[in-house]
């Protein structure tokens, strides 16, 4: 699901808002939950820059859908 929103080769932190806009609120919530898990895992591995990218993606989705 996350691969639908992020093109890691271009810019990891950018969300494809067109694809996200076609998702249901439930799907967006699922993506946010998965991003939170990945953010926490990255932070536990001391990969804080990666964790921050996940955090920023979560914030963008929350702003767009809440």
PDB file of N, CA and C in Angstrom:
ATOM      1  N   UNK A   1       0.832  -1.193   0.000  1.00  0.00           N
ATOM      2  CA  UNK A   1       0.000   0.000   0.000  1.00  0.00           C
ATOM      3  C   UNK A   1       0.873   1.251   0.000  1.00  0.00           C
ATOM      4  N   UNK A   2       1.912   1.280   0.809  1.00  0.00           N
ATOM      5  CA  UNK A   2       2.763   2.458   0.896  1.00  0.00           C
ATOM      6  C   UNK A   2       3.459   2.730  -0.427  1.00  0.00           C
ATOM      7  N   UNK A   3       3.835   1.689  -1.141  1.00  0.00           N
ATOM      8  CA  UNK A   3       4.499   1.905  -2.421  1.00  0.00           C
ATOM      9  C   UNK A   3       3.609   2.669  -3.399  1.00  0.00           C
ATOM     10  N   UNK A   4       2.311   2.671  -3.172  1.00  0.00           N
ATOM     11  CA  UNK A   4       1.414   3.439  -4.019  1.00  0.00           C
ATOM     12  C   UNK A   4       1.563   4.935  -3.777  1.00  0.00           C
ATOM     13  N   UNK A   5       2.057   5.300  -2.620  1.00  0.00           N
ATOM     14  CA  UNK A   5       2.118   6.706  -2.250  1.00  0.00           C
ATOM     15  C   UNK A   5       3.489   7.328  -2.399  1.00  0.00           C
ATOM     16  N   UNK A   6       4.521   6.515  -2.372  1.00  0.00           N
ATOM     17  CA  UNK A   6       5.876   7.047  -2.320  1.00  0.00           C
ATOM     18  C   UNK A   6       6.691   6.516  -3.486  1.00  0.00           C
ATOM     19  N   UNK A   7       7.406   7.393  -4.135  1.00  0.00           N
ATOM     20  CA  UNK A   7       8.358   6.986  -5.156  1.00  0.00           C
ATOM     21  C   UNK A   7       9.741   7.222  -4.581  1.00  0.00           C
ATOM     22  N   UNK A   8      10.318   6.189  -3.989  1.00  0.00           N
ATOM     23  CA  UNK A   8      11.571   6.310  -3.253  1.00  0.00           C
ATOM     24  C   UNK A   8      12.732   6.749  -4.128  1.00  0.00           C
ATOM     25  N   UNK A   9      12.682   6.443  -5.406  1.00  0.00           N
ATOM     26  CA  UNK A   9      13.792   6.807  -6.269  1.00  0.00           C
ATOM     27  C   UNK A   9      13.809   8.307  -6.567  1.00  0.00           C
ATOM     28  N   UNK A  10      12.674   8.951  -6.543  1.00  0.00           N
ATOM     29  CA  UNK A  10      12.620  10.375  -6.854  1.00  0.00           C
ATOM     30  C   UNK A  10      12.801  11.197  -5.580  1.00  0.00           C
ATOM     31  N   UNK A  11      11.886  11.068  -4.641  1.00  0.00           N
ATOM     32  CA  UNK A  11      11.963  11.802  -3.377  1.00  0.00           C
ATOM     33  C   UNK A  11      11.128  11.061  -2.352  1.00  0.00           C
ATOM     34  N   UNK A  12      11.793  10.390  -1.453  1.00  0.00           N
ATOM     35  CA  UNK A  12      11.142   9.535  -0.465  1.00  0.00           C
ATOM     36  C   UNK A  12      10.078  10.271   0.329  1.00  0.00           C
ATOM     37  N   UNK A  13      10.295  11.536   0.599  1.00  0.00           N
ATOM     38  CA  UNK A  13       9.405  12.259   1.505  1.00  0.00           C
ATOM     39  C   UNK A  13       8.143  12.799   0.841  1.00  0.00           C
ATOM     40  N   UNK A  14       8.035  12.667  -0.473  1.00  0.00           N
ATOM     41  CA  UNK A  14       6.864  13.202  -1.149  1.00  0.00           C
ATOM     42  C   UNK A  14       5.787  12.135  -1.305  1.00  0.00           C
ATOM     43  N   UNK A  15       4.575  12.526  -1.039  1.00  0.00           N
ATOM     44  CA  UNK A  15       3.434  11.629  -1.160  1.00  0.00           C
ATOM     45  C   UNK A  15       2.725  11.928  -2.466  1.00  0.00           C
ATOM     46  N   UNK A  16       2.365  10.889  -3.187  1.00  0.00           N
ATOM     47  CA  UNK A  16       1.591  11.058  -4.410  1.00  0.00           C
ATOM     48  C   UNK A  16       0.149  11.364  -3.988  1.00  0.00           C
ATOM     49  N   UNK A  17      -0.190  12.631  -3.960  1.00  0.00           N
ATOM     50  CA  UNK A  17      -1.485  13.058  -3.441  1.00  0.00           C
ATOM     51  C   UNK A  17      -2.642  12.620  -4.323  1.00  0.00           C
ATOM     52  N   UNK A  18      -2.396  12.450  -5.608  1.00  0.00           N
ATOM     53  CA  UNK A  18      -3.470  11.976  -6.491  1.00  0.00           C
ATOM     54  C   UNK A  18      -3.861  10.552  -6.133  1.00  0.00           C
ATOM     55  N   UNK A  19      -2.872   9.690  -5.922  1.00  0.00           N
ATOM     56  CA  UNK A  19      -3.179   8.300  -5.551  1.00  0.00           C
ATOM     57  C   UNK A  19      -3.795   8.252  -4.160  1.00  0.00           C
ATOM     58  N   UNK A  20      -3.265   9.054  -3.250  1.00  0.00           N
ATOM     59  CA  UNK A  20      -3.805   9.071  -1.895  1.00  0.00           C
ATOM     60  C   UNK A  20      -5.250   9.557  -1.888  1.00  0.00           C
ATOM     61  N   UNK A  21      -5.574  10.516  -2.748  1.00  0.00           N
ATOM     62  CA  UNK A  21      -6.930  11.057  -2.796  1.00  0.00           C
ATOM     63  C   UNK A  21      -7.947  10.020  -3.238  1.00  0.00           C
ATOM     64  N   UNK A  22      -7.511   8.993  -3.953  1.00  0.00           N
ATOM     65  CA  UNK A  22      -8.421   7.952  -4.417  1.00  0.00           C
ATOM     66  C   UNK A  22      -8.640   6.863  -3.371  1.00  0.00           C
ATOM     67  N   UNK A  23      -7.933   6.951  -2.256  1.00  0.00           N
ATOM     68  CA  UNK A  23      -8.053   5.936  -1.211  1.00  0.00           C
ATOM     69  C   UNK A  23      -9.190   6.294  -0.260  1.00  0.00           C
ATOM     70  N   UNK A  24      -9.782   5.270   0.327  1.00  0.00           N
ATOM     71  CA  UNK A  24     -10.811   5.501   1.340  1.00  0.00           C
ATOM     72  C   UNK A  24     -10.139   5.951   2.638  1.00  0.00           C
ATOM     73  N   UNK A  25     -10.922   6.519   3.529  1.00  0.00           N
ATOM     74  CA  UNK A  25     -10.378   6.937   4.823  1.00  0.00           C
ATOM     75  C   UNK A  25      -9.784   5.751   5.574  1.00  0.00           C
ATOM     76  N   UNK A  26     -10.418   4.601   5.454  1.00  0.00           N
ATOM     77  CA  UNK A  26      -9.912   3.399   6.128  1.00  0.00           C
ATOM     78  C   UNK A  26      -8.546   2.997   5.566  1.00  0.00           C
ATOM     79  N   UNK A  27      -8.396   3.085   4.256  1.00  0.00           N
ATOM     80  CA  UNK A  27      -7.112   2.755   3.638  1.00  0.00           C
ATOM     81  C   UNK A  27      -6.026   3.734   4.078  1.00  0.00           C
ATOM     82  N   UNK A  28      -6.378   4.998   4.164  1.00  0.00           N
ATOM     83  CA  UNK A  28      -5.416   6.009   4.609  1.00  0.00           C
ATOM     84  C   UNK A  28      -5.004   5.730   6.049  1.00  0.00           C
ATOM     85  N   UNK A  29      -5.966   5.386   6.897  1.00  0.00           N
ATOM     86  CA  UNK A  29      -5.648   5.050   8.292  1.00  0.00           C
ATOM     87  C   UNK A  29      -4.703   3.853   8.361  1.00  0.00           C
ATOM     88  N   UNK A  30      -4.935   2.858   7.522  1.00  0.00           N
ATOM     89  CA  UNK A  30      -4.054   1.689   7.481  1.00  0.00           C
ATOM     90  C   UNK A  30      -2.638   2.081   7.075  1.00  0.00           C
ATOM     91  N   UNK A  31      -2.529   2.961   6.093  1.00  0.00           N
ATOM     92  CA  UNK A  31      -1.214   3.422   5.650  1.00  0.00           C
ATOM     93  C   UNK A  31      -0.527   4.191   6.770  1.00  0.00           C
ATOM     94  N   UNK A  32      -1.271   5.050   7.457  1.00  0.00           N
ATOM     95  CA  UNK A  32      -0.696   5.818   8.565  1.00  0.00           C
ATOM     96  C   UNK A  32      -0.193   4.887   9.655  1.00  0.00           C
ATOM     97  N   UNK A  33      -0.970   3.882   9.987  1.00  0.00           N
ATOM     98  CA  UNK A  33      -0.533   2.923  11.011  1.00  0.00           C
ATOM     99  C   UNK A  33       0.737   2.199  10.599  1.00  0.00           C
ATOM    100  N   UNK A  34       0.824   1.792   9.333  1.00  0.00           N
ATOM    101  CA  UNK A  34       2.019   1.113   8.838  1.00  0.00           C
ATOM    102  C   UNK A  34       3.216   2.056   8.853  1.00  0.00           C
ATOM    103  N   UNK A  35       3.003   3.299   8.471  1.00  0.00           N
ATOM    104  CA  UNK A  35       4.094   4.277   8.509  1.00  0.00           C
ATOM    105  C   UNK A  35       4.577   4.508   9.936  1.00  0.00           C
ATOM    106  N   UNK A  36       3.652   4.514  10.894  1.00  0.00           N
ATOM    107  CA  UNK A  36       4.036   4.684  12.299  1.00  0.00           C
ATOM    108  C   UNK A  36       4.896   3.524  12.779  1.00  0.00           C
ATOM    109  N   UNK A  37       4.534   2.308  12.380  1.00  0.00           N
ATOM    110  CA  UNK A  37       5.329   1.132  12.732  1.00  0.00           C
ATOM    111  C   UNK A  37       6.730   1.263  12.144  1.00  0.00           C
ATOM    112  N   UNK A  38       6.797   1.615  10.867  1.00  0.00           N
ATOM    113  CA  UNK A  38       8.100   1.751  10.208  1.00  0.00           C
ATOM    114  C   UNK A  38       8.913   2.890  10.818  1.00  0.00           C
ATOM    115  N   UNK A  39       8.255   3.977  11.194  1.00  0.00           N
ATOM    116  CA  UNK A  39       8.938   5.092  11.834  1.00  0.00           C
ATOM    117  C   UNK A  39       9.551   4.646  13.158  1.00  0.00           C
ATOM    118  N   UNK A  40       8.769   3.930  13.953  1.00  0.00           N
ATOM    119  CA  UNK A  40       9.269   3.461  15.246  1.00  0.00           C
ATOM    120  C   UNK A  40      10.411   2.461  15.092  1.00  0.00           C
ATOM    121  N   UNK A  41      10.296   1.590  14.098  1.00  0.00           N
ATOM    122  CA  UNK A  41      11.373   0.631  13.852  1.00  0.00           C
ATOM    123  C   UNK A  41      12.654   1.341  13.429  1.00  0.00           C
ATOM    124  N   UNK A  42      12.527   2.337  12.576  1.00  0.00           N
ATOM    125  CA  UNK A  42      13.703   3.096  12.137  1.00  0.00           C
ATOM    126  C   UNK A  42      14.340   3.811  13.331  1.00  0.00           C
ATOM    127  N   UNK A  43      13.520   4.391  14.181  1.00  0.00           N
ATOM    128  CA  UNK A  43      14.048   5.091  15.357  1.00  0.00           C
ATOM    129  C   UNK A  43      14.743   4.116  16.308  1.00  0.00           C
ATOM    130  N   UNK A  44      14.185   2.926  16.465  1.00  0.00           N
ATOM    131  CA  UNK A  44      14.812   1.946  17.363  1.00  0.00           C
ATOM    132  C   UNK A  44      16.154   1.468  16.823  1.00  0.00           C
ATOM    133  N   UNK A  45      16.352   1.580  15.501  1.00  0.00           N
ATOM    134  CA  UNK A  45      17.638   1.235  14.883  1.00  0.00           C
ATOM    135  C   UNK A  45      18.558   2.449  14.809  1.00  0.00           C
ATOM    136  N   UNK A  46      18.117   3.547  15.440  1.00  0.00           N
ATOM    137  CA  UNK A  46      18.861   4.811  15.467  1.00  0.00           C
ATOM    138  C   UNK A  46      18.995   5.437  14.082  1.00  0.00           C
ATOM    139  N   UNK A  47      18.052   5.131  13.199  1.00  0.00           N
ATOM    140  CA  UNK A  47      17.997   5.734  11.865  1.00  0.00           C
ATOM    141  C   UNK A  47      17.014   6.902  11.926  1.00  0.00           C
ATOM    142  N   UNK A  48      17.474   7.973  12.567  1.00  0.00           N
ATOM    143  CA  UNK A  48      16.570   9.078  12.871  1.00  0.00           C
ATOM    144  C   UNK A  48      16.157   9.875  11.640  1.00  0.00           C
ATOM    145  N   UNK A  49      17.011   9.968  10.643  1.00  0.00           N
ATOM    146  CA  UNK A  49      16.623  10.680   9.425  1.00  0.00           C
ATOM    147  C   UNK A  49      15.504   9.931   8.702  1.00  0.00           C
ATOM    148  N   UNK A  50      15.614   8.615   8.640  1.00  0.00           N
ATOM    149  CA  UNK A  50      14.561   7.806   8.030  1.00  0.00           C
ATOM    150  C   UNK A  50      13.270   7.922   8.836  1.00  0.00           C
ATOM    151  N   UNK A  51      13.391   7.855  10.159  1.00  0.00           N
ATOM    152  CA  UNK A  51      12.214   7.997  11.022  1.00  0.00           C
ATOM    153  C   UNK A  51      11.537   9.349  10.797  1.00  0.00           C
ATOM    154  N   UNK A  52      12.336  10.390  10.621  1.00  0.00           N
ATOM    155  CA  UNK A  52      11.779  11.723  10.380  1.00  0.00           C
ATOM    156  C   UNK A  52      11.041  11.780   9.046  1.00  0.00           C
ATOM    157  N   UNK A  53      11.532  11.068   8.051  1.00  0.00           N
ATOM    158  CA  UNK A  53      10.842  11.027   6.758  1.00  0.00           C
ATOM    159  C   UNK A  53       9.471  10.364   6.905  1.00  0.00           C
ATOM    160  N   UNK A  54       9.439   9.267   7.663  1.00  0.00           N
ATOM    161  CA  UNK A  54       8.148   8.618   7.920  1.00  0.00           C
ATOM    162  C   UNK A  54       7.219   9.567   8.683  1.00  0.00           C
ATOM    163  N   UNK A  55       7.763  10.271   9.681  1.00  0.00           N
ATOM    164  CA  UNK A  55       6.970  11.226  10.456  1.00  0.00           C
ATOM    165  C   UNK A  55       6.370  12.291   9.544  1.00  0.00           C
ATOM    166  N   UNK A  56       7.177  12.809   8.632  1.00  0.00           N
ATOM    167  CA  UNK A  56       6.702  13.846   7.722  1.00  0.00           C
ATOM    168  C   UNK A  56       5.607  13.318   6.796  1.00  0.00           C
ATOM    169  N   UNK A  57       5.755  12.093   6.336  1.00  0.00           N
ATOM    170  CA  UNK A  57       4.731  11.481   5.489  1.00  0.00           C
ATOM    171  C   UNK A  57       3.427  11.331   6.264  1.00  0.00           C
ATOM    172  N   UNK A  58       3.540  10.901   7.519  1.00  0.00           N
ATOM    173  CA  UNK A  58       2.354  10.755   8.366  1.00  0.00           C
ATOM    174  C   UNK A  58       1.655  12.094   8.520  1.00  0.00           C
ATOM    175  N   UNK A  59       2.418  13.132   8.797  1.00  0.00           N
ATOM    176  CA  UNK A  59       1.833  14.468   8.968  1.00  0.00           C
ATOM    177  C   UNK A  59       1.129  14.942   7.708  1.00  0.00           C
ATOM    178  N   UNK A  60       1.746  14.717   6.560  1.00  0.00           N
ATOM    179  CA  UNK A  60       1.117  15.129   5.301  1.00  0.00           C
ATOM    180  C   UNK A  60      -0.214  14.408   5.092  1.00  0.00           C
ATOM    181  N   UNK A  61      -0.213  13.111   5.352  1.00  0.00           N
ATOM    182  CA  UNK A  61      -1.472  12.354   5.192  1.00  0.00           C
ATOM    183  C   UNK A  61      -2.516  12.826   6.181  1.00  0.00           C
ATOM    184  N   UNK A  62      -2.124  13.046   7.429  1.00  0.00           N
ATOM    185  CA  UNK A  62      -3.084  13.493   8.430  1.00  0.00           C
ATOM    186  C   UNK A  62      -3.652  14.863   8.065  1.00  0.00           C
ATOM    187  N   UNK A  63      -2.820  15.753   7.574  1.00  0.00           N
ATOM    188  CA  UNK A  63      -3.314  17.076   7.175  1.00  0.00           C
ATOM    189  C   UNK A  63      -4.280  16.971   6.006  1.00  0.00           C
ATOM    190  N   UNK A  64      -4.008  16.068   5.102  1.00  0.00           N
ATOM    191  CA  UNK A  64      -4.834  15.934   3.912  1.00  0.00           C
ATOM    192  C   UNK A  64      -6.168  15.255   4.204  1.00  0.00           C
ATOM    193  N   UNK A  65      -6.200  14.341   5.183  1.00  0.00           N
ATOM    194  CA  UNK A  65      -7.384  13.508   5.363  1.00  0.00           C
ATOM    195  C   UNK A  65      -8.107  13.668   6.689  1.00  0.00           C
ATOM    196  N   UNK A  66      -7.600  14.467   7.571  1.00  0.00           N
ATOM    197  CA  UNK A  66      -8.310  14.616   8.866  1.00  0.00           C
ATOM    198  C   UNK A  66      -8.880  15.971   9.037  1.00  0.00           C
TER     199      UNK A  66
END
